[in-house]
C-alpha cells in the first residue's frame, strides 16, 4: 500500500480526523497536505510516525527495494540526505515492520483450548 493511500484510508475511517487536523498536528499549512494527497508534494520520512500518531494507527510496513532490504544499515544508507531525526524515524518504522513479520502467532492459552469429553 502506498503511503498516500494509507493516509487517505485512515482519514476516511477515523472519526473526527481531517486533513486540516493532520496539517495542524504536523505543523504544516493545509495546502501542504492537499499537495501531498494530490501527489504534488513528497512525504518526508519523519512525518510517517507523526501521521500514524495523529491517526491512532501503526505506521505501515516499509516496502524495501531488494533482498538486502533486511539489513538496517543498507536501508539507512538509502537515506543519505535525511536528517538524523528522519533517519531515526525510518529505523523505528522499519523495525516495527520487522517485528510484526517476525512475531509468531500467539499460542492459545490453556483456557482457550477445548478438551475432549470422555466417552
PDB file of N, CA and C in Angstrom:
ATOM      1  N   UNK A   1       0.843  -1.175   0.000  1.00  0.00           N
ATOM      2  CA  UNK A   1       0.000   0.000   0.000  1.00  0.00           C
ATOM      3  C   UNK A   1       0.886   1.235   0.000  1.00  0.00           C
ATOM      4  N   UNK A   2       0.580   2.141  -0.850  1.00  0.00           N
ATOM      5  CA  UNK A   2       1.332   3.390  -0.881  1.00  0.00           C
ATOM      6  C   UNK A   2       0.947   4.234   0.326  1.00  0.00           C
ATOM      7  N   UNK A   3       1.875   5.087   0.756  1.00  0.00           N
ATOM      8  CA  UNK A   3       1.641   5.901   1.944  1.00  0.00           C
ATOM      9  C   UNK A   3       0.440   6.829   1.804  1.00  0.00           C
ATOM     10  N   UNK A   4       0.257   7.420   0.639  1.00  0.00           N
ATOM     11  CA  UNK A   4      -0.860   8.341   0.444  1.00  0.00           C
ATOM     12  C   UNK A   4      -2.175   7.576   0.588  1.00  0.00           C
ATOM     13  N   UNK A   5      -2.233   6.368   0.033  1.00  0.00           N
ATOM     14  CA  UNK A   5      -3.432   5.540   0.172  1.00  0.00           C
ATOM     15  C   UNK A   5      -3.660   5.185   1.639  1.00  0.00           C
ATOM     16  N   UNK A   6      -2.577   4.913   2.368  1.00  0.00           N
ATOM     17  CA  UNK A   6      -2.660   4.609   3.796  1.00  0.00           C
ATOM     18  C   UNK A   6      -3.235   5.810   4.559  1.00  0.00           C
ATOM     19  N   UNK A   7      -2.750   6.999   4.252  1.00  0.00           N
ATOM     20  CA  UNK A   7      -3.257   8.203   4.913  1.00  0.00           C
ATOM     21  C   UNK A   7      -4.730   8.395   4.581  1.00  0.00           C
ATOM     22  N   UNK A   8      -5.062   8.326   3.291  1.00  0.00           N
ATOM     23  CA  UNK A   8      -6.446   8.551   2.855  1.00  0.00           C
ATOM     24  C   UNK A   8      -7.394   7.542   3.501  1.00  0.00           C
ATOM     25  N   UNK A   9      -7.028   6.274   3.487  1.00  0.00           N
ATOM     26  CA  UNK A   9      -7.890   5.232   4.061  1.00  0.00           C
ATOM     27  C   UNK A   9      -8.113   5.454   5.548  1.00  0.00           C
ATOM     28  N   UNK A  10      -7.065   5.835   6.269  1.00  0.00           N
ATOM     29  CA  UNK A  10      -7.207   6.036   7.705  1.00  0.00           C
ATOM     30  C   UNK A  10      -7.926   7.339   8.041  1.00  0.00           C
ATOM     31  N   UNK A  11      -7.784   8.352   7.223  1.00  0.00           N
ATOM     32  CA  UNK A  11      -8.578   9.567   7.431  1.00  0.00           C
ATOM     33  C   UNK A  11     -10.059   9.263   7.218  1.00  0.00           C
ATOM     34  N   UNK A  12     -10.357   8.448   6.202  1.00  0.00           N
ATOM     35  CA  UNK A  12     -11.751   8.111   5.899  1.00  0.00           C
ATOM     36  C   UNK A  12     -12.399   7.311   7.031  1.00  0.00           C
ATOM     37  N   UNK A  13     -11.632   6.410   7.658  1.00  0.00           N
ATOM     38  CA  UNK A  13     -12.251   5.558   8.682  1.00  0.00           C
ATOM     39  C   UNK A  13     -12.075   6.083  10.096  1.00  0.00           C
ATOM     40  N   UNK A  14     -11.312   7.130  10.294  1.00  0.00           N
ATOM     41  CA  UNK A  14     -11.098   7.689  11.634  1.00  0.00           C
ATOM     42  C   UNK A  14     -12.059   8.838  11.884  1.00  0.00           C
ATOM     43  N   UNK A  15     -12.933   8.658  12.832  1.00  0.00           N
ATOM     44  CA  UNK A  15     -13.933   9.677  13.142  1.00  0.00           C
ATOM     45  C   UNK A  15     -13.255  10.936  13.672  1.00  0.00           C
ATOM     46  N   UNK A  16     -13.586  12.062  13.076  1.00  0.00           N
ATOM     47  CA  UNK A  16     -13.074  13.345  13.536  1.00  0.00           C
ATOM     48  C   UNK A  16     -11.672  13.696  13.059  1.00  0.00           C
ATOM     49  N   UNK A  17     -11.058  12.851  12.255  1.00  0.00           N
ATOM     50  CA  UNK A  17      -9.717  13.124  11.732  1.00  0.00           C
ATOM     51  C   UNK A  17      -9.853  13.733  10.340  1.00  0.00           C
ATOM     52  N   UNK A  18      -9.193  14.852  10.136  1.00  0.00           N
ATOM     53  CA  UNK A  18      -9.311  15.574   8.866  1.00  0.00           C
ATOM     54  C   UNK A  18      -7.933  15.956   8.345  1.00  0.00           C
ATOM     55  N   UNK A  19      -7.900  16.359   7.083  1.00  0.00           N
ATOM     56  CA  UNK A  19      -6.648  16.856   6.516  1.00  0.00           C
ATOM     57  C   UNK A  19      -6.212  18.123   7.235  1.00  0.00           C
ATOM     58  N   UNK A  20      -7.150  18.958   7.625  1.00  0.00           N
ATOM     59  CA  UNK A  20      -6.802  20.183   8.355  1.00  0.00           C
ATOM     60  C   UNK A  20      -6.189  19.825   9.713  1.00  0.00           C
ATOM     61  N   UNK A  21      -6.806  18.873  10.411  1.00  0.00           N
ATOM     62  CA  UNK A  21      -6.267  18.429  11.692  1.00  0.00           C
ATOM     63  C   UNK A  21      -4.883  17.809  11.538  1.00  0.00           C
ATOM     64  N   UNK A  22      -4.696  17.048  10.465  1.00  0.00           N
ATOM     65  CA  UNK A  22      -3.390  16.446  10.193  1.00  0.00           C
ATOM     66  C   UNK A  22      -2.351  17.527   9.956  1.00  0.00           C
ATOM     67  N   UNK A  23      -2.720  18.532   9.184  1.00  0.00           N
ATOM     68  CA  UNK A  23      -1.791  19.642   8.918  1.00  0.00           C
ATOM     69  C   UNK A  23      -1.385  20.313  10.224  1.00  0.00           C
ATOM     70  N   UNK A  24      -2.354  20.562  11.082  1.00  0.00           N
ATOM     71  CA  UNK A  24      -2.045  21.193  12.378  1.00  0.00           C
ATOM     72  C   UNK A  24      -1.129  20.307  13.203  1.00  0.00           C
ATOM     73  N   UNK A  25      -1.416  19.014  13.230  1.00  0.00           N
ATOM     74  CA  UNK A  25      -0.605  18.071  14.003  1.00  0.00           C
ATOM     75  C   UNK A  25       0.848  18.066  13.522  1.00  0.00           C
ATOM     76  N   UNK A  26       1.023  18.197  12.215  1.00  0.00           N
ATOM     77  CA  UNK A  26       2.369  18.185  11.637  1.00  0.00           C
ATOM     78  C   UNK A  26       3.015  19.567  11.625  1.00  0.00           C
ATOM     79  N   UNK A  27       2.241  20.601  11.954  1.00  0.00           N
ATOM     80  CA  UNK A  27       2.775  21.961  11.916  1.00  0.00           C
ATOM     81  C   UNK A  27       2.949  22.475  10.500  1.00  0.00           C
ATOM     82  N   UNK A  28       2.062  22.033   9.610  1.00  0.00           N
ATOM     83  CA  UNK A  28       2.116  22.432   8.202  1.00  0.00           C
ATOM     84  C   UNK A  28       0.878  23.224   7.830  1.00  0.00           C
ATOM     85  N   UNK A  29       0.983  23.945   6.744  1.00  0.00           N
ATOM     86  CA  UNK A  29      -0.190  24.599   6.174  1.00  0.00           C
ATOM     87  C   UNK A  29      -1.069  23.527   5.528  1.00  0.00           C
ATOM     88  N   UNK A  30      -2.369  23.740   5.570  1.00  0.00           N
ATOM     89  CA  UNK A  30      -3.286  22.778   4.953  1.00  0.00           C
ATOM     90  C   UNK A  30      -2.947  22.541   3.485  1.00  0.00           C
ATOM     91  N   UNK A  31      -2.458  23.569   2.811  1.00  0.00           N
ATOM     92  CA  UNK A  31      -2.112  23.416   1.391  1.00  0.00           C
ATOM     93  C   UNK A  31      -1.015  22.362   1.203  1.00  0.00           C
ATOM     94  N   UNK A  32      -0.134  22.217   2.180  1.00  0.00           N
ATOM     95  CA  UNK A  32       0.923  21.207   2.078  1.00  0.00           C
ATOM     96  C   UNK A  32       0.326  19.793   2.093  1.00  0.00           C
ATOM     97  N   UNK A  33      -0.697  19.591   2.921  1.00  0.00           N
ATOM     98  CA  UNK A  33      -1.363  18.281   2.970  1.00  0.00           C
ATOM     99  C   UNK A  33      -2.148  18.042   1.683  1.00  0.00           C
ATOM    100  N   UNK A  34      -2.808  19.088   1.187  1.00  0.00           N
ATOM    101  CA  UNK A  34      -3.533  18.969  -0.085  1.00  0.00           C
ATOM    102  C   UNK A  34      -2.571  18.562  -1.193  1.00  0.00           C
ATOM    103  N   UNK A  35      -1.423  19.213  -1.262  1.00  0.00           N
ATOM    104  CA  UNK A  35      -0.426  18.880  -2.284  1.00  0.00           C
ATOM    105  C   UNK A  35       0.083  17.448  -2.097  1.00  0.00           C
ATOM    106  N   UNK A  36       0.290  17.029  -0.854  1.00  0.00           N
ATOM    107  CA  UNK A  36       0.734  15.669  -0.561  1.00  0.00           C
ATOM    108  C   UNK A  36      -0.291  14.662  -1.073  1.00  0.00           C
ATOM    109  N   UNK A  37      -1.553  14.898  -0.767  1.00  0.00           N
ATOM    110  CA  UNK A  37      -2.604  13.964  -1.160  1.00  0.00           C
ATOM    111  C   UNK A  37      -2.808  13.926  -2.673  1.00  0.00           C
ATOM    112  N   UNK A  38      -2.452  15.001  -3.356  1.00  0.00           N
ATOM    113  CA  UNK A  38      -2.557  15.050  -4.817  1.00  0.00           C
ATOM    114  C   UNK A  38      -1.291  14.555  -5.502  1.00  0.00           C
ATOM    115  N   UNK A  39      -0.291  14.175  -4.719  1.00  0.00           N
ATOM    116  CA  UNK A  39       0.960  13.695  -5.291  1.00  0.00           C
ATOM    117  C   UNK A  39       1.878  14.797  -5.773  1.00  0.00           C
ATOM    118  N   UNK A  40       1.626  16.027  -5.345  1.00  0.00           N
ATOM    119  CA  UNK A  40       2.459  17.154  -5.768  1.00  0.00           C
ATOM    120  C   UNK A  40       3.483  17.537  -4.705  1.00  0.00           C
ATOM    121  N   UNK A  41       3.510  16.825  -3.603  1.00  0.00           N
ATOM    122  CA  UNK A  41       4.488  17.044  -2.538  1.00  0.00           C
ATOM    123  C   UNK A  41       4.906  15.680  -2.033  1.00  0.00           C
ATOM    124  N   UNK A  42       6.195  15.521  -1.785  1.00  0.00           N
ATOM    125  CA  UNK A  42       6.695  14.249  -1.266  1.00  0.00           C
ATOM    126  C   UNK A  42       6.474  14.150   0.230  1.00  0.00           C
ATOM    127  N   UNK A  43       6.176  12.955   0.673  1.00  0.00           N
ATOM    128  CA  UNK A  43       6.064  12.668   2.089  1.00  0.00           C
ATOM    129  C   UNK A  43       7.463  12.539   2.662  1.00  0.00           C
ATOM    130  N   UNK A  44       7.711  13.219   3.766  1.00  0.00           N
ATOM    131  CA  UNK A  44       9.013  13.137   4.419  1.00  0.00           C
ATOM    132  C   UNK A  44       9.013  11.965   5.389  1.00  0.00           C
ATOM    133  N   UNK A  45      10.139  11.268   5.454  1.00  0.00           N
ATOM    134  CA  UNK A  45      10.243  10.069   6.273  1.00  0.00           C
ATOM    135  C   UNK A  45       9.868  10.343   7.725  1.00  0.00           C
ATOM    136  N   UNK A  46      10.281  11.480   8.254  1.00  0.00           N
ATOM    137  CA  UNK A  46       9.991  11.759   9.661  1.00  0.00           C
ATOM    138  C   UNK A  46       8.522  12.100   9.906  1.00  0.00           C
ATOM    139  N   UNK A  47       7.743  12.305   8.847  1.00  0.00           N
ATOM    140  CA  UNK A  47       6.321  12.593   9.008  1.00  0.00           C
ATOM    141  C   UNK A  47       5.503  11.316   9.212  1.00  0.00           C
ATOM    142  N   UNK A  48       6.019  10.181   8.774  1.00  0.00           N
ATOM    143  CA  UNK A  48       5.258   8.930   8.824  1.00  0.00           C
ATOM    144  C   UNK A  48       4.842   8.566  10.257  1.00  0.00           C
ATOM    145  N   UNK A  49       5.766   8.504  11.218  1.00  0.00           N
ATOM    146  CA  UNK A  49       5.316   8.158  12.572  1.00  0.00           C
ATOM    147  C   UNK A  49       4.422   9.227  13.194  1.00  0.00           C
ATOM    148  N   UNK A  50       4.610  10.476  12.816  1.00  0.00           N
ATOM    149  CA  UNK A  50       3.761  11.547  13.355  1.00  0.00           C
ATOM    150  C   UNK A  50       2.351  11.466  12.767  1.00  0.00           C
ATOM    151  N   UNK A  51       2.243  11.077  11.500  1.00  0.00           N
ATOM    152  CA  UNK A  51       0.929  10.870  10.885  1.00  0.00           C
ATOM    153  C   UNK A  51       0.240   9.687  11.558  1.00  0.00           C
ATOM    154  N   UNK A  52       0.979   8.604  11.770  1.00  0.00           N
ATOM    155  CA  UNK A  52       0.419   7.433  12.446  1.00  0.00           C
ATOM    156  C   UNK A  52      -0.084   7.809  13.835  1.00  0.00           C
ATOM    157  N   UNK A  53       0.666   8.648  14.535  1.00  0.00           N
ATOM    158  CA  UNK A  53       0.256   9.111  15.861  1.00  0.00           C
ATOM    159  C   UNK A  53      -1.070   9.871  15.773  1.00  0.00           C
ATOM    160  N   UNK A  54      -1.182  10.770  14.823  1.00  0.00           N
ATOM    161  CA  UNK A  54      -2.422  11.545  14.655  1.00  0.00           C
ATOM    162  C   UNK A  54      -3.601  10.625  14.339  1.00  0.00           C
ATOM    163  N   UNK A  55      -3.370   9.651  13.467  1.00  0.00           N
ATOM    164  CA  UNK A  55      -4.442   8.762  13.042  1.00  0.00           C
ATOM    165  C   UNK A  55      -4.757   7.681  14.076  1.00  0.00           C
ATOM    166  N   UNK A  56      -3.848   7.494  15.040  1.00  0.00           N
ATOM    167  CA  UNK A  56      -4.053   6.463  16.055  1.00  0.00           C
ATOM    168  C   UNK A  56      -3.861   5.058  15.525  1.00  0.00           C
ATOM    169  N   UNK A  57      -2.943   4.914  14.560  1.00  0.00           N
ATOM    170  CA  UNK A  57      -2.673   3.610  13.944  1.00  0.00           C
ATOM    171  C   UNK A  57      -1.165   3.378  13.915  1.00  0.00           C
ATOM    172  N   UNK A  58      -0.784   2.160  13.615  1.00  0.00           N
ATOM    173  CA  UNK A  58       0.626   1.829  13.431  1.00  0.00           C
ATOM    174  C   UNK A  58       1.075   2.307  12.050  1.00  0.00           C
ATOM    175  N   UNK A  59       2.336   2.717  11.918  1.00  0.00           N
ATOM    176  CA  UNK A  59       2.832   3.041  10.572  1.00  0.00           C
ATOM    177  C   UNK A  59       2.785   1.797   9.694  1.00  0.00           C
ATOM    178  N   UNK A  60       2.600   1.975   8.402  1.00  0.00           N
ATOM    179  CA  UNK A  60       2.586   0.800   7.522  1.00  0.00           C
ATOM    180  C   UNK A  60       3.967   0.172   7.461  1.00  0.00           C
ATOM    181  N   UNK A  61       3.993  -1.108   7.147  1.00  0.00           N
ATOM    182  CA  UNK A  61       5.273  -1.788   6.964  1.00  0.00           C
ATOM    183  C   UNK A  61       6.002  -1.155   5.791  1.00  0.00           C
ATOM    184  N   UNK A  62       7.303  -1.104   5.894  1.00  0.00           N
ATOM    185  CA  UNK A  62       8.125  -0.483   4.853  1.00  0.00           C
ATOM    186  C   UNK A  62       8.399  -1.502   3.762  1.00  0.00           C
ATOM    187  N   UNK A  63       8.114  -1.121   2.527  1.00  0.00           N
ATOM    188  CA  UNK A  63       8.464  -1.959   1.383  1.00  0.00           C
ATOM    189  C   UNK A  63       9.865  -1.571   0.960  1.00  0.00           C
ATOM    190  N   UNK A  64      10.786  -2.489   1.121  1.00  0.00           N
ATOM    191  CA  UNK A  64      12.176  -2.202   0.804  1.00  0.00           C
ATOM    192  C   UNK A  64      12.525  -2.738  -0.579  1.00  0.00           C
ATOM    193  N   UNK A  65      13.535  -2.148  -1.215  1.00  0.00           N
ATOM    194  CA  UNK A  65      13.766  -2.389  -2.630  1.00  0.00           C
ATOM    195  C   UNK A  65      14.338  -3.730  -3.060  1.00  0.00           C
ATOM    196  N   UNK A  66      15.059  -4.462  -2.214  1.00  0.00           N
ATOM    197  CA  UNK A  66      15.698  -5.677  -2.704  1.00  0.00           C
ATOM    198  C   UNK A  66      15.944  -6.671  -1.587  1.00  0.00           C
ATOM    199  N   UNK A  67      16.656  -7.757  -1.905  1.00  0.00           N
ATOM    200  CA  UNK A  67      16.914  -8.811  -0.921  1.00  0.00           C
ATOM    201  C   UNK A  67      17.769  -8.342   0.246  1.00  0.00           C
ATOM    202  N   UNK A  68      18.571  -7.316   0.053  1.00  0.00           N
ATOM    203  CA  UNK A  68      19.382  -6.780   1.141  1.00  0.00           C
ATOM    204  C   UNK A  68      18.571  -5.867   2.056  1.00  0.00           C
ATOM    205  N   UNK A  69      17.266  -5.770   1.771  1.00  0.00           N
ATOM    206  CA  UNK A  69      16.429  -4.810   2.476  1.00  0.00           C
ATOM    207  C   UNK A  69      16.360  -5.055   3.974  1.00  0.00           C
ATOM    208  N   UNK A  70      16.572  -6.272   4.419  1.00  0.00           N
ATOM    209  CA  UNK A  70      16.507  -6.545   5.856  1.00  0.00           C
ATOM    210  C   UNK A  70      17.708  -6.006   6.599  1.00  0.00           C
ATOM    211  N   UNK A  71      18.697  -5.599   5.890  1.00  0.00           N
ATOM    212  CA  UNK A  71      19.889  -5.028   6.511  1.00  0.00           C
ATOM    213  C   UNK A  71      19.612  -3.562   6.833  1.00  0.00           C
ATOM    214  N   UNK A  72      19.492  -3.242   8.116  1.00  0.00           N
ATOM    215  CA  UNK A  72      19.147  -1.875   8.513  1.00  0.00           C
ATOM    216  C   UNK A  72      20.167  -0.859   8.027  1.00  0.00           C
ATOM    217  N   UNK A  73      21.422  -1.218   8.058  1.00  0.00           N
ATOM    218  CA  UNK A  73      22.453  -0.280   7.612  1.00  0.00           C
ATOM    219  C   UNK A  73      22.269   0.056   6.128  1.00  0.00           C
ATOM    220  N   UNK A  74      21.922  -0.938   5.339  1.00  0.00           N
ATOM    221  CA  UNK A  74      21.683  -0.712   3.911  1.00  0.00           C
ATOM    222  C   UNK A  74      20.496   0.227   3.710  1.00  0.00           C
ATOM    223  N   UNK A  75      19.447   0.007   4.475  1.00  0.00           N
ATOM    224  CA  UNK A  75      18.277   0.865   4.363  1.00  0.00           C
ATOM    225  C   UNK A  75      18.624   2.304   4.726  1.00  0.00           C
ATOM    226  N   UNK A  76      19.345   2.485   5.809  1.00  0.00           N
ATOM    227  CA  UNK A  76      19.711   3.839   6.220  1.00  0.00           C
ATOM    228  C   UNK A  76      20.654   4.491   5.213  1.00  0.00           C
ATOM    229  N   UNK A  77      21.468   3.691   4.540  1.00  0.00           N
ATOM    230  CA  UNK A  77      22.357   4.227   3.516  1.00  0.00           C
ATOM    231  C   UNK A  77      21.557   4.840   2.366  1.00  0.00           C
ATOM    232  N   UNK A  78      20.340   4.332   2.173  1.00  0.00           N
ATOM    233  CA  UNK A  78      19.487   4.853   1.109  1.00  0.00           C
ATOM    234  C   UNK A  78      18.925   6.229   1.441  1.00  0.00           C
ATOM    235  N   UNK A  79      19.146   6.693   2.652  1.00  0.00           N
ATOM    236  CA  UNK A  79      18.621   7.987   3.089  1.00  0.00           C
ATOM    237  C   UNK A  79      19.742   8.970   3.390  1.00  0.00           C
ATOM    238  N   UNK A  80      20.679   9.191   2.473  1.00  0.00           N
ATOM    239  CA  UNK A  80      21.869   9.983   2.801  1.00  0.00           C
ATOM    240  C   UNK A  80      21.585  11.435   3.149  1.00  0.00           C
ATOM    241  N   UNK A  81      20.533  12.009   2.589  1.00  0.00           N
ATOM    242  CA  UNK A  81      20.287  13.425   2.840  1.00  0.00           C
ATOM    243  C   UNK A  81      19.272  13.668   3.947  1.00  0.00           C
ATOM    244  N   UNK A  82      18.778  12.603   4.541  1.00  0.00           N
ATOM    245  CA  UNK A  82      17.772  12.757   5.590  1.00  0.00           C
ATOM    246  C   UNK A  82      18.427  13.256   6.875  1.00  0.00           C
ATOM    247  N   UNK A  83      17.663  13.999   7.645  1.00  0.00           N
ATOM    248  CA  UNK A  83      18.156  14.476   8.936  1.00  0.00           C
ATOM    249  C   UNK A  83      18.301  13.291   9.879  1.00  0.00           C
ATOM    250  N   UNK A  84      19.001  13.490  10.966  1.00  0.00           N
ATOM    251  CA  UNK A  84      19.165  12.426  11.957  1.00  0.00           C
ATOM    252  C   UNK A  84      17.794  11.994  12.489  1.00  0.00           C
ATOM    253  N   UNK A  85      16.897  12.947  12.701  1.00  0.00           N
ATOM    254  CA  UNK A  85      15.546  12.633  13.186  1.00  0.00           C
ATOM    255  C   UNK A  85      14.800  11.772  12.161  1.00  0.00           C
ATOM    256  N   UNK A  86      14.926  12.122  10.901  1.00  0.00           N
ATOM    257  CA  UNK A  86      14.258  11.356   9.843  1.00  0.00           C
ATOM    258  C   UNK A  86      14.835   9.951   9.744  1.00  0.00           C
ATOM    259  N   UNK A  87      16.142   9.833   9.884  1.00  0.00           N
ATOM    260  CA  UNK A  87      16.771   8.512   9.834  1.00  0.00           C
ATOM    261  C   UNK A  87      16.297   7.658  11.004  1.00  0.00           C
ATOM    262  N   UNK A  88      16.190   8.270  12.178  1.00  0.00           N
ATOM    263  CA  UNK A  88      15.709   7.538  13.348  1.00  0.00           C
ATOM    264  C   UNK A  88      14.261   7.097  13.139  1.00  0.00           C
ATOM    265  N   UNK A  89      13.429   7.994  12.613  1.00  0.00           N
ATOM    266  CA  UNK A  89      12.026   7.660  12.359  1.00  0.00           C
ATOM    267  C   UNK A  89      11.923   6.508  11.362  1.00  0.00           C
ATOM    268  N   UNK A  90      12.763   6.522  10.338  1.00  0.00           N
ATOM    269  CA  UNK A  90      12.759   5.451   9.346  1.00  0.00           C
ATOM    270  C   UNK A  90      13.176   4.133   9.984  1.00  0.00           C
ATOM    271  N   UNK A  91      14.175   4.178  10.843  1.00  0.00           N
ATOM    272  CA  UNK A  91      14.642   2.975  11.531  1.00  0.00           C
ATOM    273  C   UNK A  91      13.536   2.403  12.414  1.00  0.00           C
ATOM    274  N   UNK A  92      12.844   3.259  13.148  1.00  0.00           N
ATOM    275  CA  UNK A  92      11.760   2.815  14.018  1.00  0.00           C
ATOM    276  C   UNK A  92      10.648   2.189  13.184  1.00  0.00           C
ATOM    277  N   UNK A  93      10.277   2.838  12.090  1.00  0.00           N
ATOM    278  CA  UNK A  93       9.226   2.328  11.217  1.00  0.00           C
ATOM    279  C   UNK A  93       9.619   0.974  10.641  1.00  0.00           C
ATOM    280  N   UNK A  94      10.857   0.848  10.188  1.00  0.00           N
ATOM    281  CA  UNK A  94      11.344  -0.407   9.638  1.00  0.00           C
ATOM    282  C   UNK A  94      11.332  -1.493  10.695  1.00  0.00           C
ATOM    283  N   UNK A  95      11.809  -1.179  11.882  1.00  0.00           N
ATOM    284  CA  UNK A  95      11.879  -2.177  12.955  1.00  0.00           C
ATOM    285  C   UNK A  95      10.486  -2.655  13.344  1.00  0.00           C
ATOM    286  N   UNK A  96       9.507  -1.747  13.387  1.00  0.00           N
ATOM    287  CA  UNK A  96       8.128  -2.146  13.690  1.00  0.00           C
ATOM    288  C   UNK A  96       7.627  -3.146  12.651  1.00  0.00           C
ATOM    289  N   UNK A  97       7.927  -2.885  11.398  1.00  0.00           N
ATOM    290  CA  UNK A  97       7.523  -3.802  10.331  1.00  0.00           C
ATOM    291  C   UNK A  97       8.191  -5.152  10.470  1.00  0.00           C
ATOM    292  N   UNK A  98       9.467  -5.167  10.838  1.00  0.00           N
ATOM    293  CA  UNK A  98      10.173  -6.427  11.028  1.00  0.00           C
ATOM    294  C   UNK A  98       9.618  -7.199  12.209  1.00  0.00           C
ATOM    295  N   UNK A  99       9.324  -6.497  13.293  1.00  0.00           N
ATOM    296  CA  UNK A  99       8.801  -7.173  14.471  1.00  0.00           C
ATOM    297  C   UNK A  99       7.451  -7.808  14.165  1.00  0.00           C
ATOM    298  N   UNK A 100       6.611  -7.107  13.388  1.00  0.00           N
ATOM    299  CA  UNK A 100       5.331  -7.689  13.003  1.00  0.00           C
ATOM    300  C   UNK A 100       5.544  -8.945  12.172  1.00  0.00           C
ATOM    301  N   UNK A 101       6.499  -8.893  11.250  1.00  0.00           N
ATOM    302  CA  UNK A 101       6.752 -10.028  10.367  1.00  0.00           C
ATOM    303  C   UNK A 101       7.365 -11.207  11.118  1.00  0.00           C
ATOM    304  N   UNK A 102       8.179 -10.921  12.139  1.00  0.00           N
ATOM    305  CA  UNK A 102       8.883 -11.969  12.871  1.00  0.00           C
ATOM    306  C   UNK A 102       8.063 -12.562  14.004  1.00  0.00           C
ATOM    307  N   UNK A 103       7.054 -11.855  14.486  1.00  0.00           N
ATOM    308  CA  UNK A 103       6.347 -12.321  15.675  1.00  0.00           C
ATOM    309  C   UNK A 103       5.512 -13.546  15.339  1.00  0.00           C
ATOM    310  N   UNK A 104       5.682 -14.598  16.138  1.00  0.00           N
ATOM    311  CA  UNK A 104       4.912 -15.814  15.884  1.00  0.00           C
ATOM    312  C   UNK A 104       3.456 -15.612  16.283  1.00  0.00           C
ATOM    313  N   UNK A 105       2.622 -16.437  15.724  1.00  0.00           N
ATOM    314  CA  UNK A 105       1.221 -16.402  16.117  1.00  0.00           C
ATOM    315  C   UNK A 105       1.144 -16.779  17.586  1.00  0.00           C
ATOM    316  N   UNK A 106       0.324 -16.075  18.362  1.00  0.00           N
ATOM    317  CA  UNK A 106       0.234 -16.419  19.782  1.00  0.00           C
ATOM    318  C   UNK A 106      -0.358 -17.803  19.968  1.00  0.00           C
ATOM    319  N   UNK A 107       0.203 -18.532  20.925  1.00  0.00           N
ATOM    320  CA  UNK A 107      -0.313 -19.853  21.246  1.00  0.00           C
ATOM    321  C   UNK A 107      -1.587 -19.683  22.049  1.00  0.00           C
ATOM    322  N   UNK A 108      -2.542 -20.548  21.832  1.00  0.00           N
ATOM    323  CA  UNK A 108      -3.755 -20.445  22.635  1.00  0.00           C
ATOM    324  C   UNK A 108      -3.443 -20.761  24.090  1.00  0.00           C
ATOM    325  N   UNK A 109      -4.111 -20.072  24.979  1.00  0.00           N
ATOM    326  CA  UNK A 109      -3.900 -20.341  26.394  1.00  0.00           C
ATOM    327  C   UNK A 109      -4.641 -21.617  26.760  1.00  0.00           C
ATOM    328  N   UNK A 110      -4.274 -22.241  27.876  1.00  0.00           N
ATOM    329  CA  UNK A 110      -4.980 -23.476  28.278  1.00  0.00           C
ATOM    330  C   UNK A 110      -6.470 -23.256  28.426  1.00  0.00           C
ATOM    331  N   UNK A 111      -6.873 -22.053  28.807  1.00  0.00           N
ATOM    332  CA  UNK A 111      -8.303 -21.765  28.953  1.00  0.00           C
ATOM    333  C   UNK A 111      -9.020 -21.747  27.618  1.00  0.00           C
ATOM    334  N   UNK A 112      -8.281 -21.427  26.534  1.00  0.00           N
ATOM    335  CA  UNK A 112      -8.876 -21.333  25.209  1.00  0.00           C
ATOM    336  C   UNK A 112      -9.027 -22.698  24.538  1.00  0.00           C
ATOM    337  N   UNK A 113      -8.262 -23.679  24.988  1.00  0.00           N
ATOM    338  CA  UNK A 113      -8.268 -24.981  24.341  1.00  0.00           C
ATOM    339  C   UNK A 113      -9.465 -25.791  24.831  1.00  0.00           C
ATOM    340  N   UNK A 114     -10.107 -26.416  23.900  1.00  0.00           N
ATOM    341  CA  UNK A 114     -11.227 -27.278  24.294  1.00  0.00           C
ATOM    342  C   UNK A 114     -10.666 -28.667  24.542  1.00  0.00           C
ATOM    343  N   UNK A 115     -11.141 -29.292  25.555  1.00  0.00           N
ATOM    344  CA  UNK A 115     -10.673 -30.631  25.853  1.00  0.00           C
ATOM    345  C   UNK A 115     -11.743 -31.600  25.400  1.00  0.00           C
ATOM    346  N   UNK A 116     -11.304 -32.748  24.944  1.00  0.00           N
ATOM    347  CA  UNK A 116     -12.247 -33.766  24.503  1.00  0.00           C
ATOM    348  C   UNK A 116     -12.960 -34.353  25.719  1.00  0.00           C
ATOM    349  N   UNK A 117     -14.254 -34.512  25.587  1.00  0.00           N
ATOM    350  CA  UNK A 117     -15.022 -35.091  26.692  1.00  0.00           C
ATOM    351  C   UNK A 117     -14.840 -36.604  26.663  1.00  0.00           C
ATOM    352  N   UNK A 118     -14.667 -37.198  27.846  1.00  0.00           N
ATOM    353  CA  UNK A 118     -14.546 -38.673  27.858  1.00  0.00           C
ATOM    354  C   UNK A 118     -15.860 -39.317  27.427  1.00  0.00           C
ATOM    355  N   UNK A 119     -15.741 -40.457  26.737  1.00  0.00           N
ATOM    356  CA  UNK A 119     -16.935 -41.163  26.253  1.00  0.00           C
ATOM    357  C   UNK A 119     -17.478 -42.089  27.295  1.00  0.00           C
TER     358      UNK A 119
END
